[in-house]
Amino acid sequence: MHSKKEAALLTHKRHPVVPIASHKEWKKKEASEKDGLAAAAGALADLDADIDEMIAAIYAARAKAKDR
């Protein structure tokens, strides 16, 4: 067995089954995925307030419209 510290992928009938990587690489990948999901959740945190503002603006514009 070689110790190149390269990631490898085991396959079964040409389909990827098991990735093999060093513990350091695995932890790095795992941390980046958590950061990605946490960042997405953080980006959506103010979405409710934004939607409420948009709805209020739409109703205000409809009330001022002369063609209704």
PDB file of N, CA and C in Angstrom:
ATOM      1  N   MET A   1       0.851  -1.178   0.000  1.00  0.00           N
ATOM      2  CA  MET A   1       0.000   0.000   0.000  1.00  0.00           C
ATOM      3  C   MET A   1       0.896   1.241   0.000  1.00  0.00           C
ATOM      4  N   HIS A   2       0.539   2.208  -0.805  1.00  0.00           N
ATOM      5  CA  HIS A   2       1.318   3.433  -0.917  1.00  0.00           C
ATOM      6  C   HIS A   2       0.828   4.462   0.090  1.00  0.00           C
ATOM      7  N   SER A   3       1.716   5.306   0.501  1.00  0.00           N
ATOM      8  CA  SER A   3       1.363   6.348   1.455  1.00  0.00           C
ATOM      9  C   SER A   3       1.554   7.725   0.815  1.00  0.00           C
ATOM     10  N   LYS A   4       0.809   8.000  -0.241  1.00  0.00           N
ATOM     11  CA  LYS A   4       0.906   9.280  -0.938  1.00  0.00           C
ATOM     12  C   LYS A   4      -0.018  10.327  -0.336  1.00  0.00           C
ATOM     13  N   LYS A   5      -0.882   9.907   0.548  1.00  0.00           N
ATOM     14  CA  LYS A   5      -1.882  10.783   1.153  1.00  0.00           C
ATOM     15  C   LYS A   5      -2.799  11.403   0.108  1.00  0.00           C
ATOM     16  N   GLU A   6      -3.130  10.625  -0.896  1.00  0.00           N
ATOM     17  CA  GLU A   6      -4.076  11.059  -1.918  1.00  0.00           C
ATOM     18  C   GLU A   6      -5.452  10.491  -1.593  1.00  0.00           C
ATOM     19  N   ALA A   7      -6.458  11.218  -1.939  1.00  0.00           N
ATOM     20  CA  ALA A   7      -7.813  10.694  -1.797  1.00  0.00           C
ATOM     21  C   ALA A   7      -8.024   9.645  -2.875  1.00  0.00           C
ATOM     22  N   ALA A   8      -8.817   8.639  -2.566  1.00  0.00           N
ATOM     23  CA  ALA A   8      -9.120   7.575  -3.520  1.00  0.00           C
ATOM     24  C   ALA A   8     -10.608   7.282  -3.440  1.00  0.00           C
ATOM     25  N   LEU A   9     -11.103   6.569  -4.415  1.00  0.00           N
ATOM     26  CA  LEU A   9     -12.525   6.240  -4.450  1.00  0.00           C
ATOM     27  C   LEU A   9     -12.678   4.777  -4.811  1.00  0.00           C
ATOM     28  N   LEU A  10     -13.313   4.026  -3.926  1.00  0.00           N
ATOM     29  CA  LEU A  10     -13.602   2.627  -4.223  1.00  0.00           C
ATOM     30  C   LEU A  10     -14.906   2.558  -5.000  1.00  0.00           C
ATOM     31  N   THR A  11     -14.929   1.679  -5.986  1.00  0.00           N
ATOM     32  CA  THR A  11     -16.131   1.535  -6.805  1.00  0.00           C
ATOM     33  C   THR A  11     -16.627   0.094  -6.769  1.00  0.00           C
ATOM     34  N   HIS A  12     -17.867  -0.069  -7.096  1.00  0.00           N
ATOM     35  CA  HIS A  12     -18.473  -1.389  -7.232  1.00  0.00           C
ATOM     36  C   HIS A  12     -19.268  -1.362  -8.524  1.00  0.00           C
ATOM     37  N   LYS A  13     -18.889  -2.200  -9.451  1.00  0.00           N
ATOM     38  CA  LYS A  13     -19.529  -2.228 -10.772  1.00  0.00           C
ATOM     39  C   LYS A  13     -19.543  -0.841 -11.408  1.00  0.00           C
ATOM     40  N   ARG A  14     -18.397  -0.167 -11.302  1.00  0.00           N
ATOM     41  CA  ARG A  14     -18.155   1.150 -11.891  1.00  0.00           C
ATOM     42  C   ARG A  14     -18.962   2.286 -11.255  1.00  0.00           C
ATOM     43  N   HIS A  15     -19.565   2.043 -10.116  1.00  0.00           N
ATOM     44  CA  HIS A  15     -20.290   3.096  -9.399  1.00  0.00           C
ATOM     45  C   HIS A  15     -19.493   3.467  -8.146  1.00  0.00           C
ATOM     46  N   PRO A  16     -19.301   4.757  -7.879  1.00  0.00           N
ATOM     47  CA  PRO A  16     -18.562   5.146  -6.678  1.00  0.00           C
ATOM     48  C   PRO A  16     -19.289   4.700  -5.419  1.00  0.00           C
ATOM     49  N   VAL A  17     -18.531   4.127  -4.492  1.00  0.00           N
ATOM     50  CA  VAL A  17     -19.130   3.598  -3.273  1.00  0.00           C
ATOM     51  C   VAL A  17     -18.528   4.230  -2.027  1.00  0.00           C
ATOM     52  N   VAL A  18     -17.201   4.231  -1.917  1.00  0.00           N
ATOM     53  CA  VAL A  18     -16.553   4.675  -0.695  1.00  0.00           C
ATOM     54  C   VAL A  18     -15.380   5.596  -1.027  1.00  0.00           C
ATOM     55  N   PRO A  19     -15.427   6.834  -0.543  1.00  0.00           N
ATOM     56  CA  PRO A  19     -14.242   7.687  -0.701  1.00  0.00           C
ATOM     57  C   PRO A  19     -13.241   7.370   0.408  1.00  0.00           C
ATOM     58  N   ILE A  20     -11.979   7.412   0.071  1.00  0.00           N
ATOM     59  CA  ILE A  20     -10.928   7.185   1.059  1.00  0.00           C
ATOM     60  C   ILE A  20     -10.037   8.420   1.065  1.00  0.00           C
ATOM     61  N   ALA A  21      -9.896   9.016   2.234  1.00  0.00           N
ATOM     62  CA  ALA A  21      -9.071  10.211   2.368  1.00  0.00           C
ATOM     63  C   ALA A  21      -8.429  10.188   3.745  1.00  0.00           C
ATOM     64  N   SER A  22      -7.432  11.009   3.938  1.00  0.00           N
ATOM     65  CA  SER A  22      -6.799  11.101   5.251  1.00  0.00           C
ATOM     66  C   SER A  22      -7.787  11.731   6.236  1.00  0.00           C
ATOM     67  N   HIS A  23      -7.558  11.502   7.502  1.00  0.00           N
ATOM     68  CA  HIS A  23      -8.427  12.062   8.531  1.00  0.00           C
ATOM     69  C   HIS A  23      -8.426  13.582   8.448  1.00  0.00           C
ATOM     70  N   LYS A  24      -7.259  14.166   8.186  1.00  0.00           N
ATOM     71  CA  LYS A  24      -7.133  15.616   8.080  1.00  0.00           C
ATOM     72  C   LYS A  24      -7.991  16.158   6.937  1.00  0.00           C
ATOM     73  N   GLU A  25      -7.935  15.489   5.770  1.00  0.00           N
ATOM     74  CA  GLU A  25      -8.756  15.905   4.630  1.00  0.00           C
ATOM     75  C   GLU A  25     -10.246  15.767   4.941  1.00  0.00           C
ATOM     76  N   TRP A  26     -10.619  14.677   5.604  1.00  0.00           N
ATOM     77  CA  TRP A  26     -12.026  14.434   5.939  1.00  0.00           C
ATOM     78  C   TRP A  26     -12.558  15.538   6.857  1.00  0.00           C
ATOM     79  N   LYS A  27     -11.795  15.876   7.894  1.00  0.00           N
ATOM     80  CA  LYS A  27     -12.224  16.926   8.820  1.00  0.00           C
ATOM     81  C   LYS A  27     -12.334  18.272   8.109  1.00  0.00           C
ATOM     82  N   LYS A  28     -11.407  18.536   7.203  1.00  0.00           N
ATOM     83  CA  LYS A  28     -11.437  19.787   6.444  1.00  0.00           C
ATOM     84  C   LYS A  28     -12.699  19.852   5.572  1.00  0.00           C
ATOM     85  N   LYS A  29     -13.017  18.765   4.901  1.00  0.00           N
ATOM     86  CA  LYS A  29     -14.204  18.695   4.048  1.00  0.00           C
ATOM     87  C   LYS A  29     -15.473  18.817   4.891  1.00  0.00           C
ATOM     88  N   GLU A  30     -15.493  18.116   6.012  1.00  0.00           N
ATOM     89  CA  GLU A  30     -16.657  18.143   6.897  1.00  0.00           C
ATOM     90  C   GLU A  30     -16.898  19.562   7.426  1.00  0.00           C
ATOM     91  N   ALA A  31     -15.848  20.252   7.793  1.00  0.00           N
ATOM     92  CA  ALA A  31     -15.970  21.618   8.308  1.00  0.00           C
ATOM     93  C   ALA A  31     -16.463  22.564   7.221  1.00  0.00           C
ATOM     94  N   SER A  32     -15.987  22.394   5.998  1.00  0.00           N
ATOM     95  CA  SER A  32     -16.407  23.288   4.921  1.00  0.00           C
ATOM     96  C   SER A  32     -17.883  23.081   4.586  1.00  0.00           C
ATOM     97  N   GLU A  33     -18.370  21.855   4.682  1.00  0.00           N
ATOM     98  CA  GLU A  33     -19.793  21.590   4.420  1.00  0.00           C
ATOM     99  C   GLU A  33     -20.655  22.237   5.492  1.00  0.00           C
ATOM    100  N   LYS A  34     -20.227  22.183   6.754  1.00  0.00           N
ATOM    101  CA  LYS A  34     -20.996  22.798   7.832  1.00  0.00           C
ATOM    102  C   LYS A  34     -21.013  24.310   7.666  1.00  0.00           C
ATOM    103  N   ASP A  35     -19.870  24.871   7.296  1.00  0.00           N
ATOM    104  CA  ASP A  35     -19.815  26.305   7.064  1.00  0.00           C
ATOM    105  C   ASP A  35     -20.752  26.692   5.934  1.00  0.00           C
ATOM    106  N   GLY A  36     -20.802  25.883   4.898  1.00  0.00           N
ATOM    107  CA  GLY A  36     -21.665  26.176   3.766  1.00  0.00           C
ATOM    108  C   GLY A  36     -23.136  26.179   4.155  1.00  0.00           C
ATOM    109  N   LEU A  37     -23.554  25.180   4.903  1.00  0.00           N
ATOM    110  CA  LEU A  37     -24.957  25.106   5.327  1.00  0.00           C
ATOM    111  C   LEU A  37     -25.281  26.207   6.327  1.00  0.00           C
ATOM    112  N   ALA A  38     -24.364  26.467   7.238  1.00  0.00           N
ATOM    113  CA  ALA A  38     -24.600  27.530   8.215  1.00  0.00           C
ATOM    114  C   ALA A  38     -24.666  28.885   7.528  1.00  0.00           C
ATOM    115  N   ALA A  39     -23.830  29.067   6.526  1.00  0.00           N
ATOM    116  CA  ALA A  39     -23.850  30.331   5.783  1.00  0.00           C
ATOM    117  C   ALA A  39     -25.170  30.493   5.045  1.00  0.00           C
ATOM    118  N   ALA A  40     -25.675  29.405   4.488  1.00  0.00           N
ATOM    119  CA  ALA A  40     -26.956  29.474   3.782  1.00  0.00           C
ATOM    120  C   ALA A  40     -28.088  29.792   4.754  1.00  0.00           C
ATOM    121  N   ALA A  41     -28.070  29.170   5.912  1.00  0.00           N
ATOM    122  CA  ALA A  41     -29.106  29.450   6.908  1.00  0.00           C
ATOM    123  C   ALA A  41     -29.017  30.893   7.371  1.00  0.00           C
ATOM    124  N   GLY A  42     -27.826  31.398   7.544  1.00  0.00           N
ATOM    125  CA  GLY A  42     -27.640  32.786   7.963  1.00  0.00           C
ATOM    126  C   GLY A  42     -28.134  33.756   6.909  1.00  0.00           C
ATOM    127  N   ALA A  43     -27.937  33.405   5.644  1.00  0.00           N
ATOM    128  CA  ALA A  43     -28.371  34.275   4.557  1.00  0.00           C
ATOM    129  C   ALA A  43     -29.893  34.355   4.491  1.00  0.00           C
ATOM    130  N   LEU A  44     -30.565  33.313   4.928  1.00  0.00           N
ATOM    131  CA  LEU A  44     -32.029  33.277   4.869  1.00  0.00           C
ATOM    132  C   LEU A  44     -32.681  33.805   6.145  1.00  0.00           C
ATOM    133  N   ALA A  45     -31.890  34.165   7.132  1.00  0.00           N
ATOM    134  CA  ALA A  45     -32.435  34.582   8.426  1.00  0.00           C
ATOM    135  C   ALA A  45     -33.344  35.797   8.310  1.00  0.00           C
ATOM    136  N   ASP A  46     -33.005  36.750   7.457  1.00  0.00           N
ATOM    137  CA  ASP A  46     -33.802  37.972   7.325  1.00  0.00           C
ATOM    138  C   ASP A  46     -34.838  37.877   6.215  1.00  0.00           C
ATOM    139  N   LEU A  47     -35.024  36.705   5.662  1.00  0.00           N
ATOM    140  CA  LEU A  47     -35.936  36.544   4.540  1.00  0.00           C
ATOM    141  C   LEU A  47     -37.376  36.903   4.917  1.00  0.00           C
ATOM    142  N   ASP A  48     -37.829  36.517   6.095  1.00  0.00           N
ATOM    143  CA  ASP A  48     -39.203  36.819   6.508  1.00  0.00           C
ATOM    144  C   ASP A  48     -39.449  38.329   6.549  1.00  0.00           C
ATOM    145  N   ALA A  49     -38.504  39.055   7.103  1.00  0.00           N
ATOM    146  CA  ALA A  49     -38.654  40.516   7.182  1.00  0.00           C
ATOM    147  C   ALA A  49     -38.667  41.128   5.783  1.00  0.00           C
ATOM    148  N   ASP A  50     -37.823  40.621   4.891  1.00  0.00           N
ATOM    149  CA  ASP A  50     -37.785  41.127   3.515  1.00  0.00           C
ATOM    150  C   ASP A  50     -39.107  40.865   2.795  1.00  0.00           C
ATOM    151  N   ILE A  51     -39.646  39.685   2.982  1.00  0.00           N
ATOM    152  CA  ILE A  51     -40.926  39.340   2.340  1.00  0.00           C
ATOM    153  C   ILE A  51     -42.037  40.223   2.884  1.00  0.00           C
ATOM    154  N   ASP A  52     -42.057  40.433   4.198  1.00  0.00           N
ATOM    155  CA  ASP A  52     -43.071  41.305   4.792  1.00  0.00           C
ATOM    156  C   ASP A  52     -42.990  42.722   4.218  1.00  0.00           C
ATOM    157  N   GLU A  53     -41.758  43.226   4.042  1.00  0.00           N
ATOM    158  CA  GLU A  53     -41.588  44.556   3.456  1.00  0.00           C
ATOM    159  C   GLU A  53     -42.085  44.591   2.012  1.00  0.00           C
ATOM    160  N   MET A  54     -41.781  43.550   1.251  1.00  0.00           N
ATOM    161  CA  MET A  54     -42.234  43.502  -0.150  1.00  0.00           C
ATOM    162  C   MET A  54     -43.758  43.473  -0.234  1.00  0.00           C
ATOM    163  N   ILE A  55     -44.379  42.682   0.617  1.00  0.00           N
ATOM    164  CA  ILE A  55     -45.841  42.582   0.606  1.00  0.00           C
ATOM    165  C   ILE A  55     -46.462  43.926   0.981  1.00  0.00           C
ATOM    166  N   ALA A  56     -45.902  44.587   1.986  1.00  0.00           N
ATOM    167  CA  ALA A  56     -46.407  45.905   2.391  1.00  0.00           C
ATOM    168  C   ALA A  56     -46.277  46.900   1.253  1.00  0.00           C
ATOM    169  N   ALA A  57     -45.149  46.869   0.534  1.00  0.00           N
ATOM    170  CA  ALA A  57     -44.935  47.776  -0.598  1.00  0.00           C
ATOM    171  C   ALA A  57     -45.920  47.488  -1.729  1.00  0.00           C
ATOM    172  N   ILE A  58     -46.210  46.230  -1.970  1.00  0.00           N
ATOM    173  CA  ILE A  58     -47.169  45.860  -3.026  1.00  0.00           C
ATOM    174  C   ILE A  58     -48.555  46.373  -2.676  1.00  0.00           C
ATOM    175  N   TYR A  59     -48.999  46.149  -1.427  1.00  0.00           N
ATOM    176  CA  TYR A  59     -50.325  46.623  -1.024  1.00  0.00           C
ATOM    177  C   TYR A  59     -50.413  48.148  -1.055  1.00  0.00           C
ATOM    178  N   ALA A  60     -49.334  48.832  -0.680  1.00  0.00           N
ATOM    179  CA  ALA A  60     -49.322  50.298  -0.719  1.00  0.00           C
ATOM    180  C   ALA A  60     -49.413  50.783  -2.164  1.00  0.00           C
ATOM    181  N   ALA A  61     -48.697  50.118  -3.070  1.00  0.00           N
ATOM    182  CA  ALA A  61     -48.741  50.515  -4.477  1.00  0.00           C
ATOM    183  C   ALA A  61     -50.125  50.241  -5.064  1.00  0.00           C
ATOM    184  N   ARG A  62     -50.741  49.138  -4.663  1.00  0.00           N
ATOM    185  CA  ARG A  62     -52.087  48.823  -5.162  1.00  0.00           C
ATOM    186  C   ARG A  62     -53.102  49.838  -4.663  1.00  0.00           C
ATOM    187  N   ALA A  63     -52.948  50.287  -3.428  1.00  0.00           N
ATOM    188  CA  ALA A  63     -53.882  51.271  -2.866  1.00  0.00           C
ATOM    189  C   ALA A  63     -53.769  52.614  -3.575  1.00  0.00           C
ATOM    190  N   LYS A  64     -52.555  52.955  -4.036  1.00  0.00           N
ATOM    191  CA  LYS A  64     -52.345  54.244  -4.727  1.00  0.00           C
ATOM    192  C   LYS A  64     -52.659  54.168  -6.221  1.00  0.00           C
ATOM    193  N   ALA A  65     -52.806  52.976  -6.748  1.00  0.00           N
ATOM    194  CA  ALA A  65     -53.043  52.825  -8.194  1.00  0.00           C
ATOM    195  C   ALA A  65     -54.384  53.434  -8.579  1.00  0.00           C
ATOM    196  N   LYS A  66     -54.412  54.179  -9.655  1.00  0.00           N
ATOM    197  CA  LYS A  66     -55.646  54.853 -10.111  1.00  0.00           C
ATOM    198  C   LYS A  66     -56.456  53.975 -11.049  1.00  0.00           C
ATOM    199  N   ASP A  67     -55.830  52.908 -11.579  1.00  0.00           N
ATOM    200  CA  ASP A  67     -56.535  52.064 -12.536  1.00  0.00           C
ATOM    201  C   ASP A  67     -57.323  50.943 -11.863  1.00  0.00           C
ATOM    202  N   ARG A  68     -57.386  50.928 -10.556  1.00  0.00           N
ATOM    203  CA  ARG A  68     -58.123  49.864  -9.837  1.00  0.00           C
ATOM    204  C   ARG A  68     -59.451  50.356  -9.395  1.00  0.00           C
TER     205      ARG A  68
END
